[in-house]
Amino acid sequence: MPTSHQYLTSHDLAMIQRVLAKAGFGSSKSEPGVDREAARYLMNQFQDGMTDEAELTRALDHHLWERQNWQSTRTGPVPVRREHRP
């Protein structure tokens, strides 16, 4: 059963920063709001017991993939509702 971590150490934060850097966050090209969301997501995952760097990397990749797919469906063409008439 995963242990819940209430506080993050400097070592934990450095690991989270490495995961963010691998994903391209923290650069001048990244969006500040998305940076914060990704960092918050990783901190929550860590506090919920996911403390392995590789697992955090995979989880962030999956989270970002889901986020991108959700946004593309929201910003894509609006489906036309067709009424079924007998």
N, C-alpha and C. Protein backbone atom coordinates (compact mmCIF):
# COMPACT_ATOMS: atom_id res chain seq x y z
N MET A 1 0.85 -1.18 0.00
CA MET A 1 0.00 0.00 0.00
C MET A 1 0.89 1.24 0.00
N PRO A 2 0.64 2.20 -0.91
CA PRO A 2 1.50 3.38 -0.98
C PRO A 2 1.40 4.22 0.29
N THR A 3 2.54 4.77 0.64
CA THR A 3 2.59 5.65 1.80
C THR A 3 2.34 7.08 1.35
N SER A 4 1.54 7.79 2.07
CA SER A 4 1.26 9.19 1.75
C SER A 4 2.36 10.06 2.35
N HIS A 5 2.93 10.92 1.54
CA HIS A 5 3.99 11.83 1.99
C HIS A 5 3.39 13.22 2.13
N GLN A 6 3.45 13.74 3.34
CA GLN A 6 2.85 15.05 3.57
C GLN A 6 3.77 16.17 3.09
N TYR A 7 5.08 16.01 3.30
CA TYR A 7 6.03 17.06 2.96
C TYR A 7 7.01 16.56 1.91
N LEU A 8 7.39 17.44 1.01
CA LEU A 8 8.37 17.11 -0.01
C LEU A 8 9.73 17.65 0.43
N THR A 9 10.76 16.82 0.31
CA THR A 9 12.11 17.25 0.66
C THR A 9 12.75 17.93 -0.55
N SER A 10 13.91 18.53 -0.35
CA SER A 10 14.62 19.15 -1.46
C SER A 10 15.00 18.10 -2.50
N HIS A 11 15.30 16.87 -2.06
CA HIS A 11 15.60 15.78 -2.98
C HIS A 11 14.37 15.44 -3.82
N ASP A 12 13.20 15.39 -3.18
CA ASP A 12 11.95 15.11 -3.89
C ASP A 12 11.66 16.19 -4.93
N LEU A 13 11.83 17.44 -4.53
CA LEU A 13 11.56 18.55 -5.45
C LEU A 13 12.54 18.55 -6.62
N ALA A 14 13.81 18.18 -6.35
CA ALA A 14 14.79 18.11 -7.44
C ALA A 14 14.39 17.03 -8.44
N MET A 15 13.87 15.90 -7.94
CA MET A 15 13.43 14.84 -8.83
C MET A 15 12.23 15.32 -9.67
N ILE A 16 11.29 15.98 -9.04
CA ILE A 16 10.13 16.51 -9.76
C ILE A 16 10.58 17.51 -10.81
N GLN A 17 11.57 18.34 -10.47
CA GLN A 17 12.10 19.32 -11.43
C GLN A 17 12.74 18.61 -12.62
N ARG A 18 13.44 17.50 -12.38
CA ARG A 18 14.04 16.74 -13.49
C ARG A 18 12.96 16.18 -14.40
N VAL A 19 11.89 15.67 -13.82
CA VAL A 19 10.79 15.12 -14.63
C VAL A 19 10.17 16.24 -15.47
N LEU A 20 9.97 17.41 -14.87
CA LEU A 20 9.42 18.55 -15.60
C LEU A 20 10.35 18.98 -16.73
N ALA A 21 11.65 19.02 -16.44
CA ALA A 21 12.63 19.44 -17.46
C ALA A 21 12.64 18.46 -18.62
N LYS A 22 12.58 17.15 -18.34
CA LYS A 22 12.54 16.14 -19.41
C LYS A 22 11.32 16.33 -20.31
N ALA A 23 10.23 16.80 -19.70
CA ALA A 23 8.99 17.00 -20.47
C ALA A 23 8.96 18.36 -21.16
N GLY A 24 10.01 19.17 -20.98
CA GLY A 24 10.09 20.46 -21.67
C GLY A 24 9.53 21.63 -20.90
N PHE A 25 9.26 21.44 -19.62
CA PHE A 25 8.73 22.54 -18.82
C PHE A 25 9.87 23.34 -18.21
N GLY A 26 9.58 24.61 -17.94
CA GLY A 26 10.57 25.48 -17.34
C GLY A 26 11.39 26.24 -18.36
N SER A 27 11.15 26.00 -19.63
CA SER A 27 11.88 26.74 -20.67
C SER A 27 11.10 28.00 -21.04
N SER A 28 11.72 28.85 -21.80
CA SER A 28 11.05 30.10 -22.19
C SER A 28 9.88 29.84 -23.14
N LYS A 29 9.83 28.65 -23.74
CA LYS A 29 8.77 28.33 -24.70
C LYS A 29 7.53 27.74 -24.03
N SER A 30 7.65 27.30 -22.79
CA SER A 30 6.50 26.66 -22.13
C SER A 30 5.55 27.71 -21.56
N GLU A 31 4.29 27.32 -21.46
CA GLU A 31 3.26 28.21 -20.94
C GLU A 31 3.26 28.15 -19.41
N PRO A 32 3.32 29.31 -18.73
CA PRO A 32 3.38 29.32 -17.26
C PRO A 32 2.22 28.58 -16.60
N GLY A 33 1.02 28.71 -17.08
CA GLY A 33 -0.12 28.03 -16.49
C GLY A 33 0.00 26.52 -16.60
N VAL A 34 0.49 26.04 -17.73
CA VAL A 34 0.65 24.61 -17.94
C VAL A 34 1.81 24.10 -17.09
N ASP A 35 2.87 24.92 -16.95
CA ASP A 35 3.99 24.56 -16.07
C ASP A 35 3.49 24.31 -14.65
N ARG A 36 2.69 25.23 -14.16
CA ARG A 36 2.16 25.10 -12.79
C ARG A 36 1.27 23.87 -12.66
N GLU A 37 0.44 23.64 -13.66
CA GLU A 37 -0.46 22.48 -13.63
C GLU A 37 0.35 21.18 -13.59
N ALA A 38 1.39 21.09 -14.42
CA ALA A 38 2.22 19.89 -14.46
C ALA A 38 2.94 19.68 -13.14
N ALA A 39 3.49 20.75 -12.57
CA ALA A 39 4.19 20.65 -11.29
C ALA A 39 3.23 20.21 -10.19
N ARG A 40 2.06 20.80 -10.17
CA ARG A 40 1.05 20.45 -9.17
C ARG A 40 0.63 18.98 -9.33
N TYR A 41 0.46 18.56 -10.56
CA TYR A 41 0.08 17.17 -10.83
C TYR A 41 1.15 16.21 -10.28
N LEU A 42 2.42 16.50 -10.58
CA LEU A 42 3.50 15.64 -10.09
C LEU A 42 3.59 15.63 -8.57
N MET A 43 3.44 16.78 -7.95
CA MET A 43 3.50 16.84 -6.49
C MET A 43 2.36 16.02 -5.88
N ASN A 44 1.18 16.11 -6.46
CA ASN A 44 0.05 15.32 -5.97
C ASN A 44 0.30 13.83 -6.13
N GLN A 45 0.84 13.44 -7.29
CA GLN A 45 1.15 12.02 -7.52
C GLN A 45 2.18 11.53 -6.50
N PHE A 46 3.20 12.36 -6.25
CA PHE A 46 4.24 12.00 -5.30
C PHE A 46 3.65 11.83 -3.90
N GLN A 47 2.83 12.77 -3.51
CA GLN A 47 2.24 12.71 -2.18
C GLN A 47 1.27 11.54 -2.04
N ASP A 48 0.74 11.07 -3.16
CA ASP A 48 -0.15 9.90 -3.14
C ASP A 48 0.63 8.59 -3.17
N GLY A 49 1.97 8.67 -3.18
CA GLY A 49 2.78 7.47 -3.08
C GLY A 49 3.59 7.10 -4.30
N MET A 50 3.45 7.82 -5.41
CA MET A 50 4.23 7.52 -6.61
C MET A 50 5.56 8.25 -6.49
N THR A 51 6.60 7.54 -6.05
CA THR A 51 7.87 8.20 -5.75
C THR A 51 9.00 7.80 -6.69
N ASP A 52 8.73 6.96 -7.67
CA ASP A 52 9.73 6.55 -8.63
C ASP A 52 9.77 7.53 -9.80
N GLU A 53 10.97 7.99 -10.15
CA GLU A 53 11.11 9.01 -11.20
C GLU A 53 10.56 8.53 -12.55
N ALA A 54 10.84 7.29 -12.90
CA ALA A 54 10.34 6.76 -14.18
C ALA A 54 8.81 6.68 -14.19
N GLU A 55 8.23 6.28 -13.06
CA GLU A 55 6.77 6.21 -12.97
C GLU A 55 6.16 7.61 -13.07
N LEU A 56 6.79 8.58 -12.42
CA LEU A 56 6.29 9.96 -12.49
C LEU A 56 6.37 10.49 -13.92
N THR A 57 7.45 10.14 -14.62
CA THR A 57 7.61 10.58 -16.01
C THR A 57 6.50 9.99 -16.88
N ARG A 58 6.24 8.69 -16.72
CA ARG A 58 5.16 8.06 -17.50
C ARG A 58 3.80 8.65 -17.15
N ALA A 59 3.58 8.89 -15.86
CA ALA A 59 2.29 9.44 -15.43
C ALA A 59 2.08 10.84 -16.00
N LEU A 60 3.13 11.66 -15.99
CA LEU A 60 3.01 13.01 -16.55
C LEU A 60 2.76 12.94 -18.06
N ASP A 61 3.49 12.08 -18.76
CA ASP A 61 3.26 11.92 -20.20
C ASP A 61 1.81 11.55 -20.48
N HIS A 62 1.29 10.60 -19.71
CA HIS A 62 -0.09 10.17 -19.90
C HIS A 62 -1.08 11.31 -19.58
N HIS A 63 -0.82 12.03 -18.50
CA HIS A 63 -1.67 13.16 -18.11
C HIS A 63 -1.69 14.22 -19.21
N LEU A 64 -0.53 14.54 -19.74
CA LEU A 64 -0.45 15.56 -20.80
C LEU A 64 -1.13 15.08 -22.07
N TRP A 65 -1.00 13.78 -22.38
CA TRP A 65 -1.66 13.23 -23.56
C TRP A 65 -3.17 13.33 -23.40
N GLU A 66 -3.68 12.95 -22.22
CA GLU A 66 -5.13 13.06 -21.98
C GLU A 66 -5.60 14.50 -22.05
N ARG A 67 -4.82 15.41 -21.48
CA ARG A 67 -5.17 16.83 -21.49
C ARG A 67 -5.24 17.36 -22.91
N GLN A 68 -4.25 16.98 -23.73
CA GLN A 68 -4.21 17.44 -25.12
C GLN A 68 -5.40 16.89 -25.89
N ASN A 69 -5.72 15.62 -25.71
CA ASN A 69 -6.86 15.03 -26.42
C ASN A 69 -8.17 15.67 -25.98
N TRP A 70 -8.30 15.96 -24.69
CA TRP A 70 -9.51 16.60 -24.19
C TRP A 70 -9.65 17.99 -24.80
N GLN A 71 -8.55 18.74 -24.85
CA GLN A 71 -8.62 20.09 -25.41
C GLN A 71 -8.91 20.06 -26.90
N SER A 72 -8.32 19.10 -27.61
CA SER A 72 -8.56 19.07 -29.06
C SER A 72 -10.00 18.70 -29.37
N THR A 73 -10.63 17.89 -28.53
CA THR A 73 -12.04 17.59 -28.77
C THR A 73 -12.91 18.78 -28.42
N ARG A 74 -12.48 19.58 -27.46
CA ARG A 74 -13.26 20.76 -27.09
C ARG A 74 -13.12 21.87 -28.12
N THR A 75 -11.95 21.99 -28.74
CA THR A 75 -11.72 23.09 -29.68
C THR A 75 -11.95 22.67 -31.12
N GLY A 76 -12.20 21.39 -31.34
CA GLY A 76 -12.44 20.90 -32.69
C GLY A 76 -13.83 21.28 -33.16
N PRO A 77 -14.21 20.78 -34.32
CA PRO A 77 -15.54 21.09 -34.84
C PRO A 77 -16.63 20.55 -33.91
N VAL A 78 -17.65 21.33 -33.78
CA VAL A 78 -18.78 20.94 -32.95
C VAL A 78 -19.60 19.92 -33.72
N PRO A 79 -19.85 18.77 -33.12
CA PRO A 79 -20.62 17.76 -33.83
C PRO A 79 -22.04 18.24 -34.10
N VAL A 80 -22.52 17.90 -35.27
CA VAL A 80 -23.88 18.29 -35.65
C VAL A 80 -24.81 17.24 -35.10
N ARG A 81 -25.80 17.70 -34.38
CA ARG A 81 -26.77 16.76 -33.83
C ARG A 81 -27.85 16.52 -34.85
N ARG A 82 -28.03 15.29 -35.18
CA ARG A 82 -29.04 14.95 -36.17
C ARG A 82 -30.16 14.22 -35.47
N GLU A 83 -31.34 14.70 -35.70
CA GLU A 83 -32.50 14.08 -35.08
C GLU A 83 -32.93 12.90 -35.91
N HIS A 84 -33.27 11.86 -35.25
CA HIS A 84 -33.74 10.66 -35.91
C HIS A 84 -35.24 10.80 -36.11
N ARG A 85 -35.65 10.75 -37.34
CA ARG A 85 -37.10 10.82 -37.64
C ARG A 85 -37.52 9.56 -38.36
N PRO A 86 -38.54 8.88 -37.85
CA PRO A 86 -39.01 7.64 -38.50
C PRO A 86 -39.68 7.90 -39.82
